[in-house]
Amino acid sequence: MAEQPTGDTKTSSQSTRGNWGTHLGFILAAAGSAIGLGNIWKFPYITGDYGGGAFVLVYLLSVVVVGLPAMLAELIIGRRSQKSPVGAFQAMHRKGSPWRLTGWLGILSGFVILAIYSVIAGWSMAYVYKSLQGFSGSAADIMEQFDALAGSAFDTSVWHTLFMVLCTLIVIGGVQRGIERWNKILMPLLVIILVGLATYGIIATHGGGQAIAFLFKPDFSKLSAEGVLSALGHAFFTLSLGMGAMITYGSYMKRGSSLVKDAITISILDTLIALIAGVAIFSLVFHYNMEPSQSVGLIFKTLPVLFAETGPWISVPFFILLSFAALTSGISLLEVVVSYFIDERGWSRMKATLIMASAIYLVGLFAANPHAMVPFTNLTVFGLIDVTSTNYMLPIGGLLTVIFLGWVVSDAVRKEELNLSDSFAGAFKFIVKYLTPIAILIVLLHGVQLLPFVDF
């Protein structure tokens, strides 16, 4: 694929599509998009599954090789074009370019992922309510509460409804008065709660030291090839890549800031939150002599059993934290979809948000029903969306995005947007053309079970 020069793109009117009021607002919003259920829920349990410190080390390396370059690719495309994903690829290439399909894939990903993300986020909000009531009874009784919640289409739909209403109200407010304003509130609160929980875990439990050793003392004998591939995949997914979120948020940026510094800052914040969450969670797990490898049941089954001992003053902040993390990511997913109809169809923000949020909500209602099976498959609606988006849509979207930046966008545009010296620009060109696409391709092949591997 030959490199083609690209010139300056036309900028949409900022008065109609909005922009970030402050640089801090952008950093908090982008970090909020990246910091979600994956940091608080998924990262701890996969770290437990794959042995702790060695997995964390490979994960950090994966963020540098995969996550950071892919994020820069999305931010460059967004800021340069000043458009939502579909228009961005056309503006950076040409009108009617087949690359616009990459933008469409991002919008579709945001749509379907939010439909199931809202269901999980609703569970988090439900557990705030359950925490206020207090967890009691035997361990089996407490664990059964989650099975009862997830197995009830009505209960899950109620909480799904509440979460989607909150996302809708925030996005209707616009870029500055909605998304930026609420991220400036939610992100600091999220950090305060998380640091408080981690501090409690280190100081007030007997598991703090063990948790720190588990996370930060590598034992490569416990690391498998499956763990390496999982670290690679999670580094990509945790930063909200492949779904157009960073393209959309980047399109609201004003010129002048350093994209490299911004991407590094967002990646560091995302990683720190995941590690601090690991300390907070594993302190309790080790304190009560539980196994760290509890898979997906760690948050909604294992921890509530432990919270029955600690009381609501620990469980309530924890599930509020989980809900805040879900909300900051949920609004970014909705904004990806809404921004297309504002930019390309000329809809008002109110119209675009209400119509698209309603459509996502309806799909979410089907996903909330554990008995809603997809014809000709053995999967529920939730399961089909989860498998399709995780294994196909996101890695394909991310792969196409970095290929576009590395092979289609000109050297001059990349260098200008990144403001790098010749040597660093050359290094980034090599990474984004070869290393990052190969790494994402490995994630894709592993996800669809086409990549055989042998344990170390």
Protein backbone atom coordinates (compact mmCIF):
# COMPACT_ATOMS: atom_id res chain seq x y z
CA MET A 1 0.00 0.00 0.00
CA ALA A 2 1.66 3.21 -1.12
CA GLU A 3 1.82 6.25 1.05
CA GLN A 4 -0.26 9.14 -0.20
CA PRO A 5 0.20 12.75 0.78
CA THR A 6 -2.63 14.37 2.59
CA GLY A 7 -3.15 18.04 2.86
CA ASP A 8 -4.85 20.16 5.45
CA THR A 9 -8.45 19.25 6.08
CA LYS A 10 -11.39 21.56 6.34
CA THR A 11 -12.42 22.30 9.88
CA SER A 12 -16.04 22.05 10.95
CA SER A 13 -17.51 24.99 12.75
CA GLN A 14 -16.62 24.67 16.40
CA SER A 15 -19.71 26.63 17.34
CA THR A 16 -21.96 23.84 16.03
CA ARG A 17 -20.08 20.72 17.09
CA GLY A 18 -18.36 22.02 20.22
CA ASN A 19 -14.86 21.69 21.63
CA TRP A 20 -13.16 21.20 24.99
CA GLY A 21 -13.26 24.24 27.24
CA THR A 22 -9.92 23.42 28.86
CA HIS A 23 -7.00 21.10 28.23
CA LEU A 24 -7.57 19.52 31.63
CA GLY A 25 -11.16 18.85 30.61
CA PHE A 26 -9.96 16.87 27.59
CA ILE A 27 -7.44 14.87 29.65
CA LEU A 28 -10.06 13.96 32.25
CA ALA A 29 -12.67 13.08 29.62
CA ALA A 30 -10.26 10.94 27.59
CA ALA A 31 -8.97 9.26 30.74
CA GLY A 32 -12.59 8.74 31.83
CA SER A 33 -13.32 7.05 28.51
CA ALA A 34 -10.33 4.73 29.01
CA ILE A 35 -10.91 4.14 32.71
CA GLY A 36 -13.96 1.94 32.95
CA LEU A 37 -15.14 -1.45 34.08
CA GLY A 38 -12.06 -2.97 32.45
CA ASN A 39 -9.81 -1.29 35.02
CA ILE A 40 -11.81 -2.03 38.16
CA TRP A 41 -13.43 -5.32 37.13
CA LYS A 42 -11.45 -7.08 34.41
CA PHE A 43 -7.82 -6.14 35.12
CA PRO A 44 -7.76 -7.52 38.69
CA TYR A 45 -9.31 -10.87 37.80
CA ILE A 46 -7.16 -11.50 34.71
CA THR A 47 -4.10 -10.50 36.74
CA GLY A 48 -5.16 -13.08 39.31
CA ASP A 49 -5.76 -15.67 36.61
CA TYR A 50 -2.32 -15.22 35.05
CA GLY A 51 -0.07 -15.03 38.08
CA GLY A 52 0.29 -11.40 39.15
CA GLY A 53 3.54 -9.46 38.75
CA ALA A 54 4.86 -11.11 35.58
CA PHE A 55 1.52 -10.49 33.87
CA VAL A 56 1.58 -6.84 35.02
CA LEU A 57 5.08 -6.37 33.56
CA VAL A 58 4.04 -7.78 30.17
CA TYR A 59 0.89 -5.65 30.31
CA LEU A 60 2.92 -2.47 30.86
CA LEU A 61 5.14 -3.33 27.90
CA SER A 62 2.03 -4.00 25.81
CA VAL A 63 0.65 -0.55 26.65
CA VAL A 64 3.83 1.00 25.21
CA VAL A 65 3.95 -1.15 22.06
CA VAL A 66 0.22 -1.41 21.31
CA GLY A 67 -1.89 0.97 23.38
CA LEU A 68 0.09 4.18 23.11
CA PRO A 69 0.71 4.11 19.32
CA ALA A 70 -2.91 3.13 18.62
CA MET A 71 -4.16 5.96 20.82
CA LEU A 72 -1.88 8.43 19.05
CA ALA A 73 -3.22 7.21 15.72
CA GLU A 74 -6.80 7.94 16.79
CA LEU A 75 -5.98 11.32 18.32
CA ILE A 76 -4.07 12.42 15.21
CA ILE A 77 -6.94 11.46 12.91
CA GLY A 78 -9.49 13.16 15.17
CA ARG A 79 -7.65 16.43 15.79
CA ARG A 80 -6.44 16.77 12.20
CA SER A 81 -9.87 16.23 10.68
CA GLN A 82 -12.03 17.86 13.39
CA LYS A 83 -14.71 15.33 12.49
CA SER A 84 -16.41 12.23 13.89
CA PRO A 85 -15.02 8.83 12.75
CA VAL A 86 -16.69 8.46 9.32
CA GLY A 87 -16.00 12.03 8.25
CA ALA A 88 -12.51 11.89 9.75
CA PHE A 89 -11.29 9.11 7.47
CA GLN A 90 -12.79 10.84 4.44
CA ALA A 91 -11.26 14.18 5.37
CA MET A 92 -7.86 12.58 5.86
CA HIS A 93 -8.06 10.70 2.54
CA ARG A 94 -10.79 11.69 0.08
CA LYS A 95 -14.56 12.01 -0.22
CA GLY A 96 -16.14 8.58 -0.63
CA SER A 97 -12.93 6.86 0.49
CA PRO A 98 -13.37 3.17 1.38
CA TRP A 99 -11.54 4.01 4.61
CA ARG A 100 -14.79 5.57 5.82
CA LEU A 101 -15.91 2.00 6.52
CA THR A 102 -13.37 1.98 9.37
CA GLY A 103 -15.23 4.93 10.84
CA TRP A 104 -18.53 3.13 10.40
CA LEU A 105 -17.11 0.11 12.18
CA GLY A 106 -16.16 2.36 15.12
CA ILE A 107 -19.67 3.83 15.31
CA LEU A 108 -21.28 0.39 15.13
CA SER A 109 -18.89 -0.84 17.83
CA GLY A 110 -19.80 2.05 20.11
CA PHE A 111 -23.50 1.34 19.54
CA VAL A 112 -23.51 -2.39 20.32
CA ILE A 113 -20.90 -2.24 23.09
CA LEU A 114 -22.87 0.40 24.99
CA ALA A 115 -25.94 -1.83 24.77
CA ILE A 116 -24.24 -4.55 26.84
CA TYR A 117 -21.95 -2.20 28.78
CA SER A 118 -25.06 -0.55 30.16
CA VAL A 119 -26.27 -3.91 31.44
CA ILE A 120 -23.03 -4.53 33.37
CA ALA A 121 -23.00 -0.92 34.59
CA GLY A 122 -26.55 -1.44 35.81
CA TRP A 123 -25.36 -4.38 37.90
CA SER A 124 -22.77 -2.07 39.48
CA MET A 125 -25.46 0.45 40.38
CA ALA A 126 -27.68 -2.32 41.74
CA TYR A 127 -24.84 -3.34 44.04
CA VAL A 128 -24.62 0.18 45.45
CA TYR A 129 -28.21 -0.34 46.58
CA LYS A 130 -27.47 -3.85 47.86
CA SER A 131 -24.45 -2.53 49.76
CA LEU A 132 -26.58 0.07 51.51
CA GLN A 133 -28.83 -2.76 52.66
CA GLY A 134 -25.80 -4.78 53.77
CA PHE A 135 -24.66 -8.23 52.69
CA SER A 136 -25.68 -10.99 55.09
CA GLY A 137 -26.20 -14.73 55.20
CA SER A 138 -23.91 -17.54 54.12
CA ALA A 139 -21.31 -17.13 51.38
CA ALA A 140 -23.51 -19.19 49.07
CA ASP A 141 -26.50 -16.92 49.80
CA ILE A 142 -24.49 -13.78 49.04
CA MET A 143 -23.12 -15.19 45.80
CA GLU A 144 -26.60 -16.27 44.79
CA GLN A 145 -27.72 -12.61 44.86
CA PHE A 146 -25.75 -11.91 41.70
CA ASP A 147 -27.12 -14.97 39.92
CA ALA A 148 -30.61 -13.81 40.85
CA LEU A 149 -29.95 -10.28 39.55
CA ALA A 150 -28.32 -11.38 36.29
CA GLY A 151 -31.03 -14.00 35.79
CA SER A 152 -33.88 -11.49 36.15
CA ALA A 153 -34.68 -9.64 32.92
CA PHE A 154 -36.90 -7.20 34.84
CA ASP A 155 -34.41 -6.27 37.57
CA THR A 156 -31.52 -5.94 35.12
CA SER A 157 -33.66 -3.82 32.78
CA VAL A 158 -34.54 -1.40 35.59
CA TRP A 159 -30.88 -0.69 36.33
CA HIS A 160 -30.00 -0.65 32.62
CA THR A 161 -32.68 2.01 32.20
CA LEU A 162 -31.27 4.17 34.98
CA PHE A 163 -27.74 4.01 33.57
CA MET A 164 -28.84 4.90 30.04
CA VAL A 165 -30.87 7.84 31.34
CA LEU A 166 -27.78 9.22 33.09
CA CYS A 167 -25.61 8.79 29.97
CA THR A 168 -28.28 10.47 27.83
CA LEU A 169 -28.68 13.49 30.10
CA ILE A 170 -24.92 14.09 30.24
CA VAL A 171 -24.38 13.79 26.47
CA ILE A 172 -27.35 16.07 25.73
CA GLY A 173 -25.50 18.75 27.71
CA GLY A 174 -22.83 18.90 25.00
CA VAL A 175 -19.06 18.68 24.99
CA GLN A 176 -18.29 21.38 27.56
CA ARG A 177 -21.45 21.60 29.65
CA GLY A 178 -22.12 17.88 29.65
CA ILE A 179 -19.18 15.55 29.02
CA GLU A 180 -16.38 17.82 30.23
CA ARG A 181 -18.26 19.16 33.25
CA TRP A 182 -19.24 15.72 34.54
CA ASN A 183 -15.82 14.20 33.96
CA LYS A 184 -14.34 17.02 36.05
CA ILE A 185 -16.66 15.90 38.85
CA LEU A 186 -16.62 12.12 38.44
CA MET A 187 -12.92 11.54 37.76
CA PRO A 188 -11.56 13.27 40.90
CA LEU A 189 -14.20 11.50 43.01
CA LEU A 190 -13.25 8.18 41.40
CA VAL A 191 -9.57 8.71 42.25
CA ILE A 192 -10.31 9.80 45.82
CA ILE A 193 -12.51 6.76 46.50
CA LEU A 194 -10.03 4.36 44.91
CA VAL A 195 -7.00 5.74 46.75
CA GLY A 196 -8.99 5.60 49.97
CA LEU A 197 -9.89 1.95 49.42
CA ALA A 198 -6.31 1.04 48.52
CA THR A 199 -4.99 2.87 51.59
CA TYR A 200 -7.47 0.98 53.76
CA GLY A 201 -6.34 -2.27 52.20
CA ILE A 202 -2.66 -1.57 52.88
CA ILE A 203 -3.04 -0.16 56.40
CA ALA A 204 -6.07 -1.88 57.91
CA THR A 205 -5.80 -5.41 56.53
CA HIS A 206 -3.21 -8.16 56.72
CA GLY A 207 -3.28 -8.59 52.95
CA GLY A 208 -1.82 -5.27 51.83
CA GLY A 209 1.80 -6.36 51.70
CA GLN A 210 0.88 -9.62 50.00
CA ALA A 211 -1.19 -7.74 47.42
CA ILE A 212 1.70 -5.41 46.58
CA ALA A 213 4.11 -8.36 46.27
CA PHE A 214 1.61 -10.24 44.11
CA LEU A 215 1.23 -7.32 41.71
CA PHE A 216 4.77 -5.96 41.57
CA LYS A 217 7.08 -8.94 42.19
CA PRO A 218 7.29 -10.84 38.88
CA ASP A 219 7.32 -14.62 38.95
CA PHE A 220 7.76 -15.67 35.33
CA SER A 221 7.20 -19.32 36.19
CA LYS A 222 3.52 -18.43 36.55
CA LEU A 223 3.31 -16.67 33.17
CA SER A 224 1.89 -18.64 30.24
CA ALA A 225 1.66 -17.79 26.56
CA GLU A 226 -2.08 -17.36 27.13
CA GLY A 227 -1.24 -14.76 29.78
CA VAL A 228 1.03 -12.85 27.39
CA LEU A 229 -1.71 -12.72 24.74
CA SER A 230 -4.27 -11.63 27.33
CA ALA A 231 -1.95 -8.81 28.48
CA LEU A 232 -1.53 -7.73 24.87
CA GLY A 233 -5.26 -7.74 24.27
CA HIS A 234 -6.17 -5.96 27.48
CA ALA A 235 -3.62 -3.19 26.83
CA PHE A 236 -5.50 -2.47 23.61
CA PHE A 237 -9.05 -2.75 24.91
CA THR A 238 -8.57 -0.88 28.20
CA LEU A 239 -7.69 2.39 26.44
CA SER A 240 -11.03 2.52 24.54
CA LEU A 241 -9.31 1.88 21.22
CA GLY A 242 -10.82 0.54 18.01
CA MET A 243 -14.26 2.06 18.59
CA GLY A 244 -13.68 5.65 17.48
CA ALA A 245 -13.83 7.13 20.98
CA MET A 246 -10.40 8.77 20.85
CA ILE A 247 -11.02 9.95 17.28
CA THR A 248 -14.23 11.62 18.47
CA TYR A 249 -12.68 13.16 21.58
CA GLY A 250 -9.60 14.17 19.58
CA SER A 251 -11.84 15.99 17.10
CA TYR A 252 -12.93 18.38 19.85
CA MET A 253 -9.33 19.35 20.63
CA LYS A 254 -7.83 22.72 19.81
CA ARG A 255 -4.41 22.80 18.23
CA GLY A 256 -1.40 23.64 20.36
CA SER A 257 -1.19 20.80 22.87
CA SER A 258 1.29 17.94 22.53
CA LEU A 259 -0.52 14.79 21.43
CA VAL A 260 2.41 12.66 22.58
CA LYS A 261 2.30 14.09 26.10
CA ASP A 262 -1.49 13.81 26.18
CA ALA A 263 -1.49 10.16 25.07
CA ILE A 264 1.22 9.30 27.60
CA THR A 265 -0.70 11.08 30.38
CA ILE A 266 -3.95 9.27 29.54
CA SER A 267 -2.17 5.90 29.34
CA ILE A 268 -0.42 6.47 32.69
CA LEU A 269 -3.66 7.47 34.40
CA ASP A 270 -5.45 4.43 33.00
CA THR A 271 -2.66 2.09 34.10
CA LEU A 272 -2.33 3.63 37.57
CA ILE A 273 -6.06 3.26 38.19
CA ALA A 274 -5.90 -0.41 37.22
CA LEU A 275 -2.92 -1.06 39.51
CA ILE A 276 -4.41 0.82 42.46
CA ALA A 277 -7.65 -1.10 41.97
CA GLY A 278 -5.61 -4.29 42.06
CA VAL A 279 -4.04 -3.28 45.37
CA ALA A 280 -7.44 -2.42 46.87
CA ILE A 281 -9.10 -5.65 45.75
CA PHE A 282 -6.28 -8.11 46.40
CA SER A 283 -5.65 -6.67 49.87
CA LEU A 284 -9.10 -7.90 50.83
CA VAL A 285 -8.76 -11.16 48.91
CA PHE A 286 -5.50 -12.09 50.64
CA HIS A 287 -6.69 -10.80 54.01
CA TYR A 288 -9.50 -13.36 53.94
CA ASN A 289 -7.27 -16.08 52.44
CA MET A 290 -9.20 -16.22 49.19
CA GLU A 291 -7.74 -17.27 45.84
CA PRO A 292 -6.83 -14.31 43.57
CA SER A 293 -7.89 -16.20 40.44
CA GLN A 294 -11.65 -15.89 40.84
CA SER A 295 -12.40 -15.02 37.20
CA VAL A 296 -15.39 -12.80 36.40
CA GLY A 297 -17.10 -13.64 39.69
CA LEU A 298 -14.45 -11.73 41.66
CA ILE A 299 -16.34 -8.42 41.79
CA PHE A 300 -19.97 -9.48 42.06
CA LYS A 301 -19.60 -12.75 43.97
CA THR A 302 -16.34 -13.02 45.90
CA LEU A 303 -16.00 -9.42 47.08
CA PRO A 304 -19.56 -9.14 48.43
CA VAL A 305 -18.79 -12.15 50.65
CA LEU A 306 -15.81 -10.22 52.01
CA PHE A 307 -17.86 -7.03 52.27
CA ALA A 308 -20.21 -8.86 54.64
CA GLU A 309 -17.27 -8.75 57.06
CA THR A 310 -16.07 -5.19 56.38
CA GLY A 311 -19.51 -3.60 56.31
CA PRO A 312 -21.19 -1.05 53.98
CA TRP A 313 -18.62 1.69 54.64
CA ILE A 314 -16.25 -0.24 52.33
CA SER A 315 -18.72 -1.87 49.93
CA VAL A 316 -20.75 1.28 49.19
CA PRO A 317 -17.73 3.38 48.09
CA PHE A 318 -16.42 0.45 46.06
CA PHE A 319 -19.57 0.00 44.00
CA ILE A 320 -19.99 3.78 43.65
CA LEU A 321 -16.45 3.74 42.26
CA LEU A 322 -17.40 0.98 39.82
CA SER A 323 -20.50 2.91 38.74
CA PHE A 324 -18.53 6.14 38.19
CA ALA A 325 -15.97 4.29 36.07
CA ALA A 326 -18.77 2.79 33.99
CA LEU A 327 -20.48 6.15 33.53
CA THR A 328 -17.40 8.01 32.25
CA SER A 329 -16.87 5.27 29.66
CA GLY A 330 -20.55 4.98 28.80
CA ILE A 331 -20.88 8.65 27.84
CA SER A 332 -17.88 8.36 25.51
CA LEU A 333 -19.47 5.38 23.74
CA LEU A 334 -22.71 7.28 23.27
CA GLU A 335 -20.85 10.37 22.05
CA VAL A 336 -19.15 8.34 19.30
CA VAL A 337 -22.56 7.45 17.87
CA VAL A 338 -24.16 10.85 18.44
CA SER A 339 -21.26 12.79 16.88
CA TYR A 340 -21.80 11.12 13.49
CA PHE A 341 -25.40 12.31 13.22
CA ILE A 342 -24.45 15.82 14.33
CA ASP A 343 -21.52 16.09 11.89
CA GLU A 344 -22.70 14.16 8.87
CA ARG A 345 -26.49 14.36 9.07
CA GLY A 346 -26.89 17.83 10.51
CA TRP A 347 -29.04 16.69 13.43
CA SER A 348 -29.26 18.77 16.57
CA ARG A 349 -27.49 17.32 19.61
CA MET A 350 -30.83 16.85 21.35
CA LYS A 351 -32.33 14.91 18.43
CA ALA A 352 -29.22 12.79 17.83
CA THR A 353 -28.81 11.90 21.49
CA LEU A 354 -32.43 11.02 22.20
CA ILE A 355 -32.89 8.91 19.05
CA MET A 356 -29.61 7.01 19.25
CA ALA A 357 -29.74 6.53 23.02
CA SER A 358 -33.26 5.12 22.63
CA ALA A 359 -32.09 2.71 19.92
CA ILE A 360 -29.16 1.55 22.05
CA TYR A 361 -31.47 1.23 25.04
CA LEU A 362 -33.84 -1.07 23.12
CA VAL A 363 -30.99 -3.35 22.05
CA GLY A 364 -29.84 -3.31 25.69
CA LEU A 365 -33.27 -4.54 26.80
CA PHE A 366 -32.79 -7.66 24.69
CA ALA A 367 -29.25 -8.05 26.08
CA ALA A 368 -30.64 -7.69 29.61
CA ASN A 369 -32.83 -10.75 29.09
CA PRO A 370 -30.72 -13.84 29.87
CA HIS A 371 -33.17 -15.98 27.92
CA ALA A 372 -33.05 -13.93 24.70
CA MET A 373 -31.30 -16.33 22.33
CA VAL A 374 -30.06 -15.39 18.87
CA PRO A 375 -31.55 -17.70 16.20
CA PHE A 376 -29.20 -20.30 14.69
CA THR A 377 -26.67 -19.83 17.49
CA ASN A 378 -26.17 -21.07 21.02
CA LEU A 379 -25.61 -17.51 22.22
CA THR A 380 -27.76 -14.99 24.03
CA VAL A 381 -27.99 -11.46 22.62
CA PHE A 382 -25.55 -10.36 25.32
CA GLY A 383 -23.15 -13.18 24.50
CA LEU A 384 -23.24 -12.58 20.75
CA ILE A 385 -22.51 -8.86 21.10
CA ASP A 386 -19.74 -9.57 23.60
CA VAL A 387 -18.00 -12.17 21.43
CA THR A 388 -18.44 -10.25 18.17
CA SER A 389 -17.27 -6.88 19.50
CA THR A 390 -14.37 -8.19 21.57
CA ASN A 391 -12.99 -10.74 19.12
CA TYR A 392 -13.75 -9.07 15.80
CA MET A 393 -14.98 -5.48 15.75
CA LEU A 394 -12.53 -3.74 18.11
CA PRO A 395 -9.31 -5.40 16.94
CA ILE A 396 -10.25 -5.01 13.27
CA GLY A 397 -11.12 -1.33 13.84
CA GLY A 398 -7.87 -0.73 15.69
CA LEU A 399 -5.82 -2.60 13.10
CA LEU A 400 -7.29 -0.62 10.21
CA THR A 401 -6.77 2.67 12.07
CA VAL A 402 -3.05 2.14 12.68
CA ILE A 403 -2.57 0.84 9.13
CA PHE A 404 -4.26 4.00 7.85
CA LEU A 405 -2.00 6.26 9.88
CA GLY A 406 1.14 4.29 9.08
CA TRP A 407 0.62 3.60 5.38
CA VAL A 408 -1.86 6.17 4.04
CA VAL A 409 -1.25 9.37 5.99
CA SER A 410 1.87 11.18 4.84
CA ASP A 411 5.09 11.48 6.84
CA ALA A 412 4.65 15.26 6.83
CA VAL A 413 1.22 15.11 8.48
CA ARG A 414 2.36 12.64 11.15
CA LYS A 415 5.44 14.71 11.93
CA GLU A 416 3.47 17.95 12.08
CA GLU A 417 0.78 16.56 14.36
CA LEU A 418 3.24 14.89 16.72
CA ASN A 419 5.85 17.68 16.57
CA LEU A 420 8.69 15.17 16.82
CA SER A 421 12.33 15.36 15.78
CA ASP A 422 13.38 13.42 12.71
CA SER A 423 14.77 10.52 14.75
CA PHE A 424 11.68 10.14 16.96
CA ALA A 425 9.37 10.60 13.96
CA GLY A 426 11.21 7.79 12.20
CA ALA A 427 10.92 5.54 15.23
CA PHE A 428 7.19 6.21 15.54
CA LYS A 429 6.74 5.53 11.82
CA PHE A 430 8.39 2.12 12.21
CA ILE A 431 6.28 1.26 15.27
CA VAL A 432 2.95 2.33 13.77
CA LYS A 433 3.67 0.70 10.37
CA TYR A 434 4.98 -2.62 11.64
CA LEU A 435 5.09 -3.37 15.37
CA THR A 436 1.64 -2.17 16.44
CA PRO A 437 -0.27 -3.69 13.49
CA ILE A 438 1.46 -7.04 14.00
CA ALA A 439 0.65 -6.98 17.72
CA ILE A 440 -3.01 -6.14 17.08
CA LEU A 441 -3.18 -8.83 14.40
CA ILE A 442 -1.94 -11.33 16.98
CA VAL A 443 -4.71 -10.19 19.35
CA LEU A 444 -7.26 -10.61 16.56
CA LEU A 445 -6.07 -14.08 15.55
CA HIS A 446 -5.98 -15.20 19.17
CA GLY A 447 -9.48 -13.87 19.79
CA VAL A 448 -10.94 -15.84 16.91
CA GLN A 449 -8.90 -18.91 17.97
CA LEU A 450 -6.81 -19.00 14.79
CA LEU A 451 -3.51 -18.54 16.61
CA PRO A 452 -2.13 -21.72 18.19
CA PHE A 453 0.28 -21.29 21.05
CA VAL A 454 2.39 -23.41 23.32
CA ASP A 455 2.78 -22.66 27.02
CA PHE A 456 6.21 -21.54 28.15
